[in-house]
């Protein structure tokens, strides 16, 4: 359950990095607004990705 929450948080962070970059490219948002979204997206990405990407899988005890 928590893994799903972390994955959704990381996906939201990734969207906050990608979407503003495209919007800035097409001159729909300004430079400072894009930087703010990129900063928030980076923080969300690391907050969501580190807990579920850094975990080691449990070993199978059926040896």
N, C-alpha and C. Protein backbone atom coordinates (compact mmCIF):
# COMPACT_ATOMS: atom_id res chain seq x y z
N UNK A 1 0.82 -1.19 0.00
CA UNK A 1 0.00 0.00 0.00
C UNK A 1 0.87 1.26 0.00
N UNK A 2 1.85 1.31 0.88
CA UNK A 2 2.72 2.49 0.94
C UNK A 2 3.55 2.62 -0.33
N UNK A 3 3.90 1.49 -0.92
CA UNK A 3 4.67 1.53 -2.16
C UNK A 3 3.88 2.26 -3.25
N UNK A 4 2.59 2.00 -3.31
CA UNK A 4 1.74 2.66 -4.30
C UNK A 4 1.67 4.17 -4.05
N UNK A 5 1.60 4.56 -2.78
CA UNK A 5 1.58 5.99 -2.44
C UNK A 5 2.88 6.65 -2.87
N UNK A 6 4.00 5.99 -2.59
CA UNK A 6 5.30 6.54 -2.99
C UNK A 6 5.42 6.63 -4.52
N UNK A 7 4.92 5.64 -5.21
CA UNK A 7 4.97 5.67 -6.67
C UNK A 7 4.12 6.80 -7.24
N UNK A 8 2.96 7.03 -6.66
CA UNK A 8 2.11 8.13 -7.12
C UNK A 8 2.75 9.48 -6.82
N UNK A 9 3.41 9.60 -5.68
CA UNK A 9 4.11 10.83 -5.33
C UNK A 9 5.26 11.09 -6.30
N UNK A 10 5.99 10.04 -6.63
CA UNK A 10 7.09 10.17 -7.59
C UNK A 10 6.57 10.52 -8.99
N UNK A 11 5.46 9.94 -9.39
CA UNK A 11 4.87 10.25 -10.70
C UNK A 11 4.40 11.70 -10.75
N UNK A 12 3.84 12.20 -9.66
CA UNK A 12 3.42 13.60 -9.62
C UNK A 12 4.64 14.52 -9.72
N UNK A 13 5.72 14.14 -9.06
CA UNK A 13 6.95 14.93 -9.15
C UNK A 13 7.51 14.92 -10.56
N UNK A 14 7.47 13.78 -11.20
CA UNK A 14 7.95 13.68 -12.58
C UNK A 14 7.11 14.54 -13.52
N UNK A 15 5.79 14.54 -13.29
CA UNK A 15 4.91 15.38 -14.10
C UNK A 15 5.21 16.86 -13.89
N UNK A 16 5.55 17.23 -12.64
CA UNK A 16 5.89 18.63 -12.35
C UNK A 16 7.24 19.03 -12.93
N UNK A 17 8.01 18.08 -13.36
CA UNK A 17 9.26 18.41 -14.04
C UNK A 17 9.06 18.46 -15.55
N UNK A 18 8.28 17.54 -16.08
CA UNK A 18 8.12 17.46 -17.54
C UNK A 18 7.14 18.49 -18.12
N UNK A 19 5.98 18.61 -17.51
CA UNK A 19 4.94 19.47 -18.08
C UNK A 19 5.35 20.95 -18.11
N UNK A 20 5.87 21.52 -17.02
CA UNK A 20 6.28 22.93 -17.09
C UNK A 20 7.41 23.18 -18.10
N UNK A 21 8.26 22.20 -18.30
CA UNK A 21 9.33 22.36 -19.29
C UNK A 21 8.74 22.50 -20.70
N UNK A 22 7.75 21.69 -21.01
CA UNK A 22 7.10 21.78 -22.31
C UNK A 22 6.32 23.09 -22.44
N UNK A 23 5.63 23.48 -21.38
CA UNK A 23 4.89 24.74 -21.40
C UNK A 23 5.81 25.94 -21.58
N UNK A 24 6.96 25.90 -20.96
CA UNK A 24 7.93 26.99 -21.12
C UNK A 24 8.49 27.01 -22.54
N UNK A 25 8.70 25.86 -23.11
CA UNK A 25 9.20 25.77 -24.48
C UNK A 25 8.24 26.46 -25.46
N UNK A 26 6.95 26.29 -25.22
CA UNK A 26 5.94 26.90 -26.08
C UNK A 26 5.51 28.29 -25.59
N UNK A 27 6.28 28.87 -24.68
CA UNK A 27 6.05 30.22 -24.14
C UNK A 27 4.69 30.39 -23.48
N UNK A 28 4.22 29.37 -22.78
CA UNK A 28 2.96 29.48 -22.05
C UNK A 28 3.16 29.88 -20.60
N UNK A 29 4.35 29.64 -20.05
CA UNK A 29 4.66 30.08 -18.69
C UNK A 29 6.03 30.75 -18.71
N UNK A 30 6.25 31.59 -17.70
CA UNK A 30 7.50 32.32 -17.61
C UNK A 30 8.63 31.49 -17.01
N UNK A 31 9.82 32.07 -17.05
CA UNK A 31 11.01 31.38 -16.58
C UNK A 31 10.96 31.12 -15.07
N UNK A 32 10.57 32.13 -14.30
CA UNK A 32 10.55 31.97 -12.84
C UNK A 32 9.48 30.96 -12.40
N UNK A 33 8.34 30.98 -13.06
CA UNK A 33 7.29 30.02 -12.73
C UNK A 33 7.74 28.60 -13.07
N UNK A 34 8.43 28.43 -14.18
CA UNK A 34 8.94 27.11 -14.56
C UNK A 34 9.95 26.62 -13.52
N UNK A 35 10.83 27.50 -13.08
CA UNK A 35 11.83 27.11 -12.09
C UNK A 35 11.19 26.66 -10.78
N UNK A 36 10.13 27.34 -10.39
CA UNK A 36 9.41 26.96 -9.17
C UNK A 36 8.82 25.57 -9.29
N UNK A 37 8.16 25.31 -10.42
CA UNK A 37 7.58 23.98 -10.63
C UNK A 37 8.65 22.90 -10.72
N UNK A 38 9.76 23.20 -11.36
CA UNK A 38 10.83 22.21 -11.45
C UNK A 38 11.40 21.89 -10.06
N UNK A 39 11.55 22.91 -9.24
CA UNK A 39 12.06 22.70 -7.88
C UNK A 39 11.09 21.82 -7.08
N UNK A 40 9.80 22.15 -7.12
CA UNK A 40 8.82 21.35 -6.40
C UNK A 40 8.73 19.93 -6.94
N UNK A 41 8.82 19.79 -8.25
CA UNK A 41 8.78 18.46 -8.85
C UNK A 41 9.98 17.62 -8.46
N UNK A 42 11.14 18.25 -8.37
CA UNK A 42 12.35 17.53 -7.96
C UNK A 42 12.23 17.02 -6.52
N UNK A 43 11.72 17.88 -5.65
CA UNK A 43 11.54 17.48 -4.25
C UNK A 43 10.53 16.34 -4.15
N UNK A 44 9.41 16.45 -4.88
CA UNK A 44 8.42 15.37 -4.86
C UNK A 44 8.98 14.07 -5.43
N UNK A 45 9.75 14.17 -6.48
CA UNK A 45 10.34 12.97 -7.08
C UNK A 45 11.23 12.24 -6.07
N UNK A 46 12.13 12.98 -5.43
CA UNK A 46 13.03 12.34 -4.47
C UNK A 46 12.28 11.85 -3.24
N UNK A 47 11.26 12.57 -2.80
CA UNK A 47 10.48 12.13 -1.65
C UNK A 47 9.71 10.84 -1.96
N UNK A 48 9.29 10.68 -3.19
CA UNK A 48 8.52 9.49 -3.55
C UNK A 48 9.35 8.34 -4.07
N UNK A 49 10.45 8.65 -4.75
CA UNK A 49 11.22 7.58 -5.41
C UNK A 49 12.21 6.90 -4.47
N UNK A 50 12.82 7.64 -3.58
CA UNK A 50 13.86 7.05 -2.72
C UNK A 50 13.31 5.92 -1.85
N UNK A 51 12.14 6.07 -1.21
CA UNK A 51 11.67 4.97 -0.35
C UNK A 51 11.38 3.67 -1.11
N UNK A 52 10.85 3.73 -2.33
CA UNK A 52 10.51 2.48 -2.99
C UNK A 52 11.56 2.01 -3.97
N UNK A 53 12.45 2.87 -4.42
CA UNK A 53 13.54 2.41 -5.29
C UNK A 53 14.73 1.88 -4.50
N UNK A 54 14.88 2.35 -3.28
CA UNK A 54 16.03 1.96 -2.48
C UNK A 54 15.83 0.70 -1.67
N UNK A 55 14.64 0.16 -1.67
CA UNK A 55 14.38 -1.04 -0.87
C UNK A 55 14.91 -2.29 -1.54
N UNK A 56 15.44 -3.17 -0.72
CA UNK A 56 15.87 -4.46 -1.23
C UNK A 56 14.71 -5.43 -1.09
N UNK A 57 14.60 -6.32 -2.06
CA UNK A 57 13.53 -7.31 -2.02
C UNK A 57 13.87 -8.38 -0.98
N UNK A 58 12.83 -8.91 -0.35
CA UNK A 58 13.04 -9.98 0.60
C UNK A 58 13.45 -11.24 -0.13
N UNK A 59 14.39 -11.94 0.45
CA UNK A 59 14.84 -13.19 -0.19
C UNK A 59 13.83 -14.28 0.03
N UNK A 60 13.72 -15.15 -0.91
CA UNK A 60 12.81 -16.28 -0.81
C UNK A 60 13.42 -17.31 0.12
N UNK A 61 12.66 -17.72 1.14
CA UNK A 61 13.18 -18.65 2.14
C UNK A 61 12.94 -20.11 1.76
N UNK A 62 12.53 -20.40 0.55
CA UNK A 62 12.27 -21.78 0.11
C UNK A 62 13.50 -22.33 -0.62
N UNK A 63 14.56 -22.55 0.12
CA UNK A 63 15.79 -23.06 -0.50
C UNK A 63 15.90 -24.55 -0.35
